Amino acid sequence: MPCVGFGPAGLRLGYGGGFIDRTLAALQPRPWSVGLSYAHGFVPLLKPLAGDVHLDTLLTEEGVMWERG
């Protein structure tokens, strides 16, 4: 899924509106979520809001930034 930016521990900064978070929360079983962003989109002080769903993997042009086990 597209990311405007990303933060620590799988946080995704989206386009506003929460569509992807609501969709992921409603799917059972929850699918593995992969975000796509540019590496310069890292926001170290990004804090989660209520309803935010953490990503399992984040890919940038520099490679895999993290992958949850």
PDB file of N, CA and C in Angstrom:
ATOM      1  N   MET A   1       0.833  -1.161   0.000  1.00  0.00           N
ATOM      2  CA  MET A   1       0.000   0.000   0.000  1.00  0.00           C
ATOM      3  C   MET A   1       0.887   1.236   0.000  1.00  0.00           C
ATOM      4  N   PRO A   2       0.458   2.312  -0.594  1.00  0.00           N
ATOM      5  CA  PRO A   2       1.279   3.520  -0.688  1.00  0.00           C
ATOM      6  C   PRO A   2       1.392   4.232   0.659  1.00  0.00           C
ATOM      7  N   CYS A   3       2.545   4.821   0.889  1.00  0.00           N
ATOM      8  CA  CYS A   3       2.791   5.583   2.111  1.00  0.00           C
ATOM      9  C   CYS A   3       3.346   6.957   1.732  1.00  0.00           C
ATOM     10  N   VAL A   4       2.787   7.996   2.303  1.00  0.00           N
ATOM     11  CA  VAL A   4       3.352   9.338   2.148  1.00  0.00           C
ATOM     12  C   VAL A   4       4.660   9.395   2.932  1.00  0.00           C
ATOM     13  N   GLY A   5       4.656   8.712   4.066  1.00  0.00           N
ATOM     14  CA  GLY A   5       5.828   8.604   4.919  1.00  0.00           C
ATOM     15  C   GLY A   5       5.626   7.431   5.862  1.00  0.00           C
ATOM     16  N   PHE A   6       6.591   7.230   6.744  1.00  0.00           N
ATOM     17  CA  PHE A   6       6.499   6.125   7.688  1.00  0.00           C
ATOM     18  C   PHE A   6       7.285   6.473   8.938  1.00  0.00           C
ATOM     19  N   GLY A   7       6.911   5.834  10.012  1.00  0.00           N
ATOM     20  CA  GLY A   7       7.566   6.063  11.287  1.00  0.00           C
ATOM     21  C   GLY A   7       8.093   4.769  11.861  1.00  0.00           C
ATOM     22  N   PRO A   8       8.573   4.822  13.099  1.00  0.00           N
ATOM     23  CA  PRO A   8       9.119   3.621  13.726  1.00  0.00           C
ATOM     24  C   PRO A   8       8.053   2.555  13.974  1.00  0.00           C
ATOM     25  N   ALA A   9       8.506   1.325  14.058  1.00  0.00           N
ATOM     26  CA  ALA A   9       7.665   0.187  14.463  1.00  0.00           C
ATOM     27  C   ALA A   9       6.470  -0.063  13.552  1.00  0.00           C
ATOM     28  N   GLY A  10       6.605   0.197  12.283  1.00  0.00           N
ATOM     29  CA  GLY A  10       5.539  -0.143  11.353  1.00  0.00           C
ATOM     30  C   GLY A  10       4.460   0.889  11.169  1.00  0.00           C
ATOM     31  N   LEU A  11       4.683   2.102  11.641  1.00  0.00           N
ATOM     32  CA  LEU A  11       3.675   3.145  11.450  1.00  0.00           C
ATOM     33  C   LEU A  11       3.679   3.645  10.011  1.00  0.00           C
ATOM     34  N   ARG A  12       2.482   3.841   9.484  1.00  0.00           N
ATOM     35  CA  ARG A  12       2.318   4.305   8.111  1.00  0.00           C
ATOM     36  C   ARG A  12       1.643   5.667   8.119  1.00  0.00           C
ATOM     37  N   LEU A  13       2.209   6.589   7.373  1.00  0.00           N
ATOM     38  CA  LEU A  13       1.579   7.890   7.161  1.00  0.00           C
ATOM     39  C   LEU A  13       0.912   7.826   5.804  1.00  0.00           C
ATOM     40  N   GLY A  14      -0.426   7.870   5.808  1.00  0.00           N
ATOM     41  CA  GLY A  14      -1.174   7.724   4.569  1.00  0.00           C
ATOM     42  C   GLY A  14      -1.636   9.061   4.016  1.00  0.00           C
ATOM     43  N   TYR A  15      -2.702   8.990   3.258  1.00  0.00           N
ATOM     44  CA  TYR A  15      -3.231  10.175   2.588  1.00  0.00           C
ATOM     45  C   TYR A  15      -4.382  10.811   3.359  1.00  0.00           C
ATOM     46  N   GLY A  16      -4.664  10.303   4.559  1.00  0.00           N
ATOM     47  CA  GLY A  16      -5.756  10.851   5.365  1.00  0.00           C
ATOM     48  C   GLY A  16      -7.075  10.207   4.997  1.00  0.00           C
ATOM     49  N   GLY A  17      -7.867   9.910   5.957  1.00  0.00           N
ATOM     50  CA  GLY A  17      -9.161   9.291   5.710  1.00  0.00           C
ATOM     51  C   GLY A  17      -9.286   7.919   6.333  1.00  0.00           C
ATOM     52  N   GLY A  18      -8.182   7.219   6.532  1.00  0.00           N
ATOM     53  CA  GLY A  18      -8.189   5.950   7.234  1.00  0.00           C
ATOM     54  C   GLY A  18      -8.751   4.760   6.485  1.00  0.00           C
ATOM     55  N   PHE A  19      -8.932   4.858   5.169  1.00  0.00           N
ATOM     56  CA  PHE A  19      -9.523   3.755   4.403  1.00  0.00           C
ATOM     57  C   PHE A  19      -8.715   2.472   4.547  1.00  0.00           C
ATOM     58  N   ILE A  20      -7.404   2.551   4.385  1.00  0.00           N
ATOM     59  CA  ILE A  20      -6.565   1.347   4.442  1.00  0.00           C
ATOM     60  C   ILE A  20      -6.572   0.754   5.849  1.00  0.00           C
ATOM     61  N   ASP A  21      -6.492   1.595   6.878  1.00  0.00           N
ATOM     62  CA  ASP A  21      -6.527   1.092   8.254  1.00  0.00           C
ATOM     63  C   ASP A  21      -7.843   0.383   8.546  1.00  0.00           C
ATOM     64  N   ARG A  22      -8.959   0.964   8.149  1.00  0.00           N
ATOM     65  CA  ARG A  22     -10.267   0.331   8.382  1.00  0.00           C
ATOM     66  C   ARG A  22     -10.389  -0.983   7.615  1.00  0.00           C
ATOM     67  N   THR A  23      -9.876  -1.001   6.392  1.00  0.00           N
ATOM     68  CA  THR A  23      -9.942  -2.217   5.579  1.00  0.00           C
ATOM     69  C   THR A  23      -9.116  -3.325   6.215  1.00  0.00           C
ATOM     70  N   LEU A  24      -7.877  -3.038   6.616  1.00  0.00           N
ATOM     71  CA  LEU A  24      -7.025  -4.048   7.244  1.00  0.00           C
ATOM     72  C   LEU A  24      -7.634  -4.551   8.549  1.00  0.00           C
ATOM     73  N   ALA A  25      -8.202  -3.665   9.332  1.00  0.00           N
ATOM     74  CA  ALA A  25      -8.797  -4.057  10.614  1.00  0.00           C
ATOM     75  C   ALA A  25     -10.009  -4.965  10.416  1.00  0.00           C
ATOM     76  N   ALA A  26     -10.725  -4.800   9.315  1.00  0.00           N
ATOM     77  CA  ALA A  26     -11.936  -5.579   9.070  1.00  0.00           C
ATOM     78  C   ALA A  26     -11.663  -6.955   8.464  1.00  0.00           C
ATOM     79  N   LEU A  27     -10.515  -7.139   7.836  1.00  0.00           N
ATOM     80  CA  LEU A  27     -10.221  -8.407   7.166  1.00  0.00           C
ATOM     81  C   LEU A  27      -9.775  -9.457   8.169  1.00  0.00           C
ATOM     82  N   GLN A  28     -10.409 -10.621   8.109  1.00  0.00           N
ATOM     83  CA  GLN A  28     -10.050 -11.742   8.991  1.00  0.00           C
ATOM     84  C   GLN A  28      -9.881 -12.993   8.144  1.00  0.00           C
ATOM     85  N   PRO A  29      -8.752 -13.664   8.176  1.00  0.00           N
ATOM     86  CA  PRO A  29      -7.566 -13.268   8.915  1.00  0.00           C
ATOM     87  C   PRO A  29      -6.920 -12.042   8.271  1.00  0.00           C
ATOM     88  N   ARG A  30      -6.219 -11.279   9.088  1.00  0.00           N
ATOM     89  CA  ARG A  30      -5.572 -10.059   8.590  1.00  0.00           C
ATOM     90  C   ARG A  30      -4.434 -10.428   7.642  1.00  0.00           C
ATOM     91  N   PRO A  31      -4.433  -9.872   6.432  1.00  0.00           N
ATOM     92  CA  PRO A  31      -3.360 -10.189   5.489  1.00  0.00           C
ATOM     93  C   PRO A  31      -2.040  -9.527   5.892  1.00  0.00           C
ATOM     94  N   TRP A  32      -0.952 -10.054   5.370  1.00  0.00           N
ATOM     95  CA  TRP A  32       0.356  -9.448   5.564  1.00  0.00           C
ATOM     96  C   TRP A  32       0.334  -8.106   4.835  1.00  0.00           C
ATOM     97  N   SER A  33       0.722  -7.044   5.518  1.00  0.00           N
ATOM     98  CA  SER A  33       0.640  -5.709   4.917  1.00  0.00           C
ATOM     99  C   SER A  33       2.034  -5.201   4.551  1.00  0.00           C
ATOM    100  N   VAL A  34       2.149  -4.720   3.327  1.00  0.00           N
ATOM    101  CA  VAL A  34       3.423  -4.213   2.809  1.00  0.00           C
ATOM    102  C   VAL A  34       3.215  -2.776   2.353  1.00  0.00           C
ATOM    103  N   GLY A  35       4.014  -1.857   2.900  1.00  0.00           N
ATOM    104  CA  GLY A  35       3.952  -0.453   2.518  1.00  0.00           C
ATOM    105  C   GLY A  35       5.080  -0.108   1.566  1.00  0.00           C
ATOM    106  N   LEU A  36       4.821   0.829   0.681  1.00  0.00           N
ATOM    107  CA  LEU A  36       5.823   1.324  -0.261  1.00  0.00           C
ATOM    108  C   LEU A  36       6.006   2.811  -0.033  1.00  0.00           C
ATOM    109  N   SER A  37       7.268   3.232   0.133  1.00  0.00           N
ATOM    110  CA  SER A  37       7.557   4.639   0.394  1.00  0.00           C
ATOM    111  C   SER A  37       8.959   4.956  -0.084  1.00  0.00           C
ATOM    112  N   TYR A  38       9.275   6.224  -0.145  1.00  0.00           N
ATOM    113  CA  TYR A  38      10.648   6.653  -0.370  1.00  0.00           C
ATOM    114  C   TYR A  38      11.358   6.695   0.970  1.00  0.00           C
ATOM    115  N   ALA A  39      12.639   6.374   0.979  1.00  0.00           N
ATOM    116  CA  ALA A  39      13.406   6.333   2.225  1.00  0.00           C
ATOM    117  C   ALA A  39      13.415   7.683   2.932  1.00  0.00           C
ATOM    118  N   HIS A  40      13.398   8.775   2.172  1.00  0.00           N
ATOM    119  CA  HIS A  40      13.425  10.098   2.812  1.00  0.00           C
ATOM    120  C   HIS A  40      12.087  10.439   3.481  1.00  0.00           C
ATOM    121  N   GLY A  41      11.090   9.545   3.389  1.00  0.00           N
ATOM    122  CA  GLY A  41       9.797   9.764   4.023  1.00  0.00           C
ATOM    123  C   GLY A  41       9.747   9.338   5.487  1.00  0.00           C
ATOM    124  N   PHE A  42      10.884   8.929   6.050  1.00  0.00           N
ATOM    125  CA  PHE A  42      10.909   8.499   7.446  1.00  0.00           C
ATOM    126  C   PHE A  42      10.650   9.687   8.371  1.00  0.00           C
ATOM    127  N   VAL A  43       9.679   9.537   9.267  1.00  0.00           N
ATOM    128  CA  VAL A  43       9.311  10.572  10.243  1.00  0.00           C
ATOM    129  C   VAL A  43       9.548   9.962  11.633  1.00  0.00           C
ATOM    130  N   PRO A  44      10.709  10.230  12.248  1.00  0.00           N
ATOM    131  CA  PRO A  44      11.062   9.532  13.493  1.00  0.00           C
ATOM    132  C   PRO A  44      10.131   9.819  14.666  1.00  0.00           C
ATOM    133  N   LEU A  45       9.454  10.945  14.687  1.00  0.00           N
ATOM    134  CA  LEU A  45       8.583  11.286  15.809  1.00  0.00           C
ATOM    135  C   LEU A  45       7.112  10.972  15.550  1.00  0.00           C
ATOM    136  N   LEU A  46       6.815  10.239  14.487  1.00  0.00           N
ATOM    137  CA  LEU A  46       5.437   9.883  14.151  1.00  0.00           C
ATOM    138  C   LEU A  46       4.842   9.016  15.265  1.00  0.00           C
ATOM    139  N   LYS A  47       3.689   9.419  15.751  1.00  0.00           N
ATOM    140  CA  LYS A  47       2.985   8.707  16.829  1.00  0.00           C
ATOM    141  C   LYS A  47       1.694   8.118  16.273  1.00  0.00           C
ATOM    142  N   PRO A  48       1.314   6.921  16.741  1.00  0.00           N
ATOM    143  CA  PRO A  48       0.076   6.309  16.237  1.00  0.00           C
ATOM    144  C   PRO A  48      -1.163   7.017  16.772  1.00  0.00           C
ATOM    145  N   LEU A  49      -2.197   7.042  15.956  1.00  0.00           N
ATOM    146  CA  LEU A  49      -3.513   7.523  16.360  1.00  0.00           C
ATOM    147  C   LEU A  49      -4.404   6.319  16.606  1.00  0.00           C
ATOM    148  N   ALA A  50      -5.505   6.539  17.291  1.00  0.00           N
ATOM    149  CA  ALA A  50      -6.461   5.454  17.507  1.00  0.00           C
ATOM    150  C   ALA A  50      -6.920   4.919  16.151  1.00  0.00           C
ATOM    151  N   GLY A  51      -6.903   3.626  15.996  1.00  0.00           N
ATOM    152  CA  GLY A  51      -7.342   3.021  14.739  1.00  0.00           C
ATOM    153  C   GLY A  51      -6.226   2.763  13.748  1.00  0.00           C
ATOM    154  N   ASP A  52      -5.014   3.252  14.005  1.00  0.00           N
ATOM    155  CA  ASP A  52      -3.899   2.995  13.093  1.00  0.00           C
ATOM    156  C   ASP A  52      -3.513   1.523  13.152  1.00  0.00           C
ATOM    157  N   VAL A  53      -3.283   0.941  11.992  1.00  0.00           N
ATOM    158  CA  VAL A  53      -2.851  -0.455  11.890  1.00  0.00           C
ATOM    159  C   VAL A  53      -1.397  -0.451  11.438  1.00  0.00           C
ATOM    160  N   HIS A  54      -0.543  -1.136  12.182  1.00  0.00           N
ATOM    161  CA  HIS A  54       0.880  -1.179  11.852  1.00  0.00           C
ATOM    162  C   HIS A  54       1.129  -2.080  10.652  1.00  0.00           C
ATOM    163  N   LEU A  55       2.090  -1.688   9.830  1.00  0.00           N
ATOM    164  CA  LEU A  55       2.501  -2.486   8.680  1.00  0.00           C
ATOM    165  C   LEU A  55       3.387  -3.640   9.127  1.00  0.00           C
ATOM    166  N   ASP A  56       3.403  -4.695   8.331  1.00  0.00           N
ATOM    167  CA  ASP A  56       4.282  -5.831   8.609  1.00  0.00           C
ATOM    168  C   ASP A  56       5.636  -5.663   7.925  1.00  0.00           C
ATOM    169  N   THR A  57       5.645  -5.023   6.781  1.00  0.00           N
ATOM    170  CA  THR A  57       6.880  -4.823   6.013  1.00  0.00           C
ATOM    171  C   THR A  57       6.828  -3.456   5.359  1.00  0.00           C
ATOM    172  N   LEU A  58       7.992  -2.818   5.239  1.00  0.00           N
ATOM    173  CA  LEU A  58       8.064  -1.555   4.510  1.00  0.00           C
ATOM    174  C   LEU A  58       9.211  -1.624   3.515  1.00  0.00           C
ATOM    175  N   LEU A  59       8.906  -1.306   2.254  1.00  0.00           N
ATOM    176  CA  LEU A  59       9.904  -1.308   1.188  1.00  0.00           C
ATOM    177  C   LEU A  59      10.132   0.114   0.697  1.00  0.00           C
ATOM    178  N   THR A  60      11.400   0.434   0.451  1.00  0.00           N
ATOM    179  CA  THR A  60      11.767   1.712  -0.157  1.00  0.00           C
ATOM    180  C   THR A  60      12.731   1.430  -1.298  1.00  0.00           C
ATOM    181  N   GLU A  61      13.168   2.481  -1.964  1.00  0.00           N
ATOM    182  CA  GLU A  61      14.160   2.317  -3.033  1.00  0.00           C
ATOM    183  C   GLU A  61      15.493   1.795  -2.497  1.00  0.00           C
ATOM    184  N   GLU A  62      15.681   1.860  -1.180  1.00  0.00           N
ATOM    185  CA  GLU A  62      16.911   1.362  -0.554  1.00  0.00           C
ATOM    186  C   GLU A  62      16.771  -0.095  -0.101  1.00  0.00           C
ATOM    187  N   GLY A  63      15.586  -0.662  -0.233  1.00  0.00           N
ATOM    188  CA  GLY A  63      15.366  -2.047   0.155  1.00  0.00           C
ATOM    189  C   GLY A  63      14.344  -2.168   1.267  1.00  0.00           C
ATOM    190  N   VAL A  64      14.386  -3.292   1.964  1.00  0.00           N
ATOM    191  CA  VAL A  64      13.453  -3.556   3.056  1.00  0.00           C
ATOM    192  C   VAL A  64      13.883  -2.749   4.268  1.00  0.00           C
ATOM    193  N   MET A  65      12.998  -1.892   4.774  1.00  0.00           N
ATOM    194  CA  MET A  65      13.318  -1.078   5.948  1.00  0.00           C
ATOM    195  C   MET A  65      13.061  -1.870   7.231  1.00  0.00           C
ATOM    196  N   TRP A  66      12.002  -2.669   7.244  1.00  0.00           N
ATOM    197  CA  TRP A  66      11.766  -3.595   8.352  1.00  0.00           C
ATOM    198  C   TRP A  66      10.814  -4.669   7.882  1.00  0.00           C
ATOM    199  N   GLU A  67      10.858  -5.760   8.598  1.00  0.00           N
ATOM    200  CA  GLU A  67       9.923  -6.844   8.369  1.00  0.00           C
ATOM    201  C   GLU A  67       9.641  -7.488   9.712  1.00  0.00           C
ATOM    202  N   ARG A  68       8.383  -7.535  10.058  1.00  0.00           N
ATOM    203  CA  ARG A  68       7.995  -8.146  11.332  1.00  0.00           C
ATOM    204  C   ARG A  68       7.994  -9.653  11.175  1.00  0.00           C
ATOM    205  N   GLY A  69       8.393 -10.339  12.202  1.00  0.00           N
ATOM    206  CA  GLY A  69       8.431 -11.801  12.170  1.00  0.00           C
ATOM    207  C   GLY A  69       7.177 -12.363  12.586  1.00  0.00           C
TER     208      GLY A  69
END
